């Protein structure tokens, strides 16, 4: 794994997060296209919700382990460290891999990256259907299970 020297990138044509995540301010459910998506990107870009404006996936942050060709809409997976679990996992090094395209988590490229990340931190894979799979060092997986045993 390369050290994290993050260099900002541009979203370009990628709109993976616009489809993948719930945006309560827009009453947009998870895993559904946002009604404001358009060919140019976001039709309400200047007035978009704070959640949209503040979101930065690891690719957009310029994670050197993710090459330019690994843009989420191309790779089919969004890697990030923002999660509904962030409070619960405070102090735990983790990455969430959100599947944008069905079965993208099973691609060789994604599997290699997940395996490399899992050596040092918790990797929470969330399938297109919303199922979670957790990889990582045994002590981190055990800690995750301990902390989430009462969480749906």
Protein backbone atom coordinates (compact mmCIF):
# COMPACT_ATOMS: atom_id res chain seq x y z
CA UNK A 1 0.00 0.00 0.00
CA UNK A 2 1.24 3.44 -0.86
CA UNK A 3 1.37 6.07 1.87
CA UNK A 4 -1.54 8.48 1.84
CA UNK A 5 -0.37 11.64 0.12
CA UNK A 6 -3.79 12.83 -0.91
CA UNK A 7 -4.11 15.01 -4.00
CA UNK A 8 -7.55 16.40 -4.81
CA UNK A 9 -9.18 15.21 -8.03
CA UNK A 10 -12.29 16.35 -9.87
CA UNK A 11 -15.50 14.30 -9.99
CA UNK A 12 -15.74 14.78 -13.76
CA UNK A 13 -18.54 12.60 -15.13
CA UNK A 14 -18.73 10.45 -11.99
CA UNK A 15 -22.08 10.55 -10.25
CA UNK A 16 -21.78 7.29 -8.31
CA UNK A 17 -22.42 8.88 -4.91
CA UNK A 18 -25.54 10.60 -6.32
CA UNK A 19 -27.04 7.18 -6.91
CA UNK A 20 -25.62 5.17 -4.01
CA UNK A 21 -26.39 7.22 -0.92
CA UNK A 22 -29.55 8.39 0.79
CA UNK A 23 -29.97 12.18 0.83
CA UNK A 24 -32.67 12.90 3.40
CA UNK A 25 -32.79 16.63 2.55
CA UNK A 26 -33.95 15.64 -0.94
CA UNK A 27 -36.06 12.65 0.17
CA UNK A 28 -33.78 10.53 -2.03
CA UNK A 29 -33.59 6.87 -1.00
CA UNK A 30 -30.36 4.88 -1.01
CA UNK A 31 -29.45 3.08 -4.26
CA UNK A 32 -31.74 5.19 -6.42
CA UNK A 33 -30.88 7.82 -8.97
CA UNK A 34 -31.20 11.38 -7.70
CA UNK A 35 -33.85 13.34 -9.55
CA UNK A 36 -31.39 16.24 -9.88
CA UNK A 37 -28.77 14.23 -11.78
CA UNK A 38 -28.33 15.44 -15.33
CA UNK A 39 -25.82 15.08 -18.15
CA UNK A 40 -23.77 18.00 -16.78
CA UNK A 41 -23.77 16.59 -13.24
CA UNK A 42 -26.12 18.15 -10.69
CA UNK A 43 -28.98 20.41 -11.76
CA UNK A 44 -29.01 22.08 -8.31
CA UNK A 45 -25.23 22.17 -7.81
CA UNK A 46 -25.04 25.73 -6.38
CA UNK A 47 -27.87 24.93 -3.92
CA UNK A 48 -27.13 21.24 -3.29
CA UNK A 49 -27.46 19.96 0.28
CA UNK A 50 -24.48 20.24 2.63
CA UNK A 51 -24.17 16.44 2.69
CA UNK A 52 -23.59 16.45 -1.08
CA UNK A 53 -21.27 19.45 -1.04
CA UNK A 54 -19.12 18.02 1.75
CA UNK A 55 -18.81 14.45 0.50
CA UNK A 56 -15.36 13.32 -0.63
CA UNK A 57 -14.74 9.67 -1.50
CA UNK A 58 -11.19 8.34 -1.24
CA UNK A 59 -10.77 8.50 -5.02
CA UNK A 60 -11.78 12.18 -5.08
CA UNK A 61 -9.37 12.89 -2.23
CA UNK A 62 -6.63 11.51 -4.45
CA UNK A 63 -5.83 8.32 -2.54
CA UNK A 64 -2.65 7.12 -4.32
CA UNK A 65 -3.76 3.50 -3.97
CA UNK A 66 -6.67 4.27 -6.29
CA UNK A 67 -5.54 5.09 -9.80
CA UNK A 68 -7.36 7.54 -12.07
CA UNK A 69 -9.01 4.57 -13.80
CA UNK A 70 -10.49 3.55 -10.43
CA UNK A 71 -13.01 6.39 -10.41
CA UNK A 72 -16.09 4.97 -8.60
CA UNK A 73 -18.40 4.99 -11.63
CA UNK A 74 -15.82 2.96 -13.58
CA UNK A 75 -14.70 0.66 -10.75
CA UNK A 76 -18.24 0.11 -9.52
CA UNK A 77 -17.22 0.72 -5.89
CA UNK A 78 -16.96 3.86 -3.76
CA UNK A 79 -14.28 3.68 -1.07
CA UNK A 80 -14.69 6.12 1.80
CA UNK A 81 -14.15 6.69 5.47
CA UNK A 82 -17.48 8.48 5.99
CA UNK A 83 -20.12 6.24 7.37
CA UNK A 84 -23.18 6.05 9.52
CA UNK A 85 -20.89 3.90 11.68
CA UNK A 86 -18.28 6.66 12.21
CA UNK A 87 -19.34 7.43 15.81
CA UNK A 88 -19.62 3.76 16.63
CA UNK A 89 -16.17 3.07 15.16
CA UNK A 90 -14.41 6.05 16.70
CA UNK A 91 -10.73 5.19 17.18
CA UNK A 92 -10.85 2.25 14.76
CA UNK A 93 -9.06 2.52 11.43
CA UNK A 94 -11.58 1.55 8.76
CA UNK A 95 -12.69 2.00 5.15
CA UNK A 96 -16.14 1.32 3.73
CA UNK A 97 -16.45 -0.13 0.21
CA UNK A 98 -19.91 0.68 -1.17
CA UNK A 99 -20.85 -1.35 -4.23
CA UNK A 100 -22.35 0.89 -6.93
CA UNK A 101 -22.69 -1.82 -9.57
CA UNK A 102 -23.87 -5.33 -8.69
CA UNK A 103 -20.98 -7.80 -8.21
CA UNK A 104 -18.29 -5.09 -8.53
CA UNK A 105 -16.90 -6.11 -5.13
CA UNK A 106 -15.97 -9.47 -6.63
CA UNK A 107 -13.78 -8.04 -9.40
CA UNK A 108 -10.10 -8.98 -9.16
CA UNK A 109 -9.01 -5.34 -8.95
CA UNK A 110 -11.37 -4.53 -6.06
CA UNK A 111 -10.61 -7.81 -4.28
CA UNK A 112 -6.85 -7.08 -4.40
CA UNK A 113 -7.34 -3.60 -2.96
CA UNK A 114 -9.69 -4.86 -0.21
CA UNK A 115 -7.18 -7.59 0.69
CA UNK A 116 -4.33 -5.07 0.92
CA UNK A 117 -6.39 -2.65 3.03
CA UNK A 118 -7.59 -5.48 5.28
CA UNK A 119 -4.08 -6.20 6.48
CA UNK A 120 -3.98 -2.94 8.47
CA UNK A 121 -7.57 -1.86 9.02
CA UNK A 122 -11.19 -2.86 9.03
CA UNK A 123 -12.82 -2.98 5.60
CA UNK A 124 -16.60 -2.96 5.60
CA UNK A 125 -17.94 -4.06 2.23
CA UNK A 126 -21.54 -3.05 1.54
CA UNK A 127 -23.06 -4.89 -1.41
CA UNK A 128 -25.41 -3.25 -3.90
CA UNK A 129 -28.28 -4.91 -2.00
CA UNK A 130 -27.04 -3.49 1.33
CA UNK A 131 -25.50 -6.64 2.84
CA UNK A 132 -22.35 -6.10 4.94
CA UNK A 133 -19.18 -8.17 4.98
CA UNK A 134 -16.31 -7.25 7.29
CA UNK A 135 -12.63 -8.03 6.71
CA UNK A 136 -9.54 -7.03 8.61
CA UNK A 137 -7.18 -8.07 11.37
CA UNK A 138 -8.98 -10.49 13.73
CA UNK A 139 -8.84 -8.10 16.71
CA UNK A 140 -10.49 -5.31 14.66
CA UNK A 141 -13.19 -7.64 13.32
CA UNK A 142 -13.91 -8.78 16.89
CA UNK A 143 -14.09 -5.15 18.06
CA UNK A 144 -16.46 -4.30 15.19
CA UNK A 145 -18.73 -7.21 16.14
CA UNK A 146 -18.64 -6.21 19.79
CA UNK A 147 -19.57 -2.61 19.02
CA UNK A 148 -22.27 -3.44 16.47
CA UNK A 149 -23.97 -6.41 18.09
CA UNK A 150 -27.01 -4.25 18.93
CA UNK A 151 -26.92 -2.29 15.65
CA UNK A 152 -29.06 -3.37 12.66
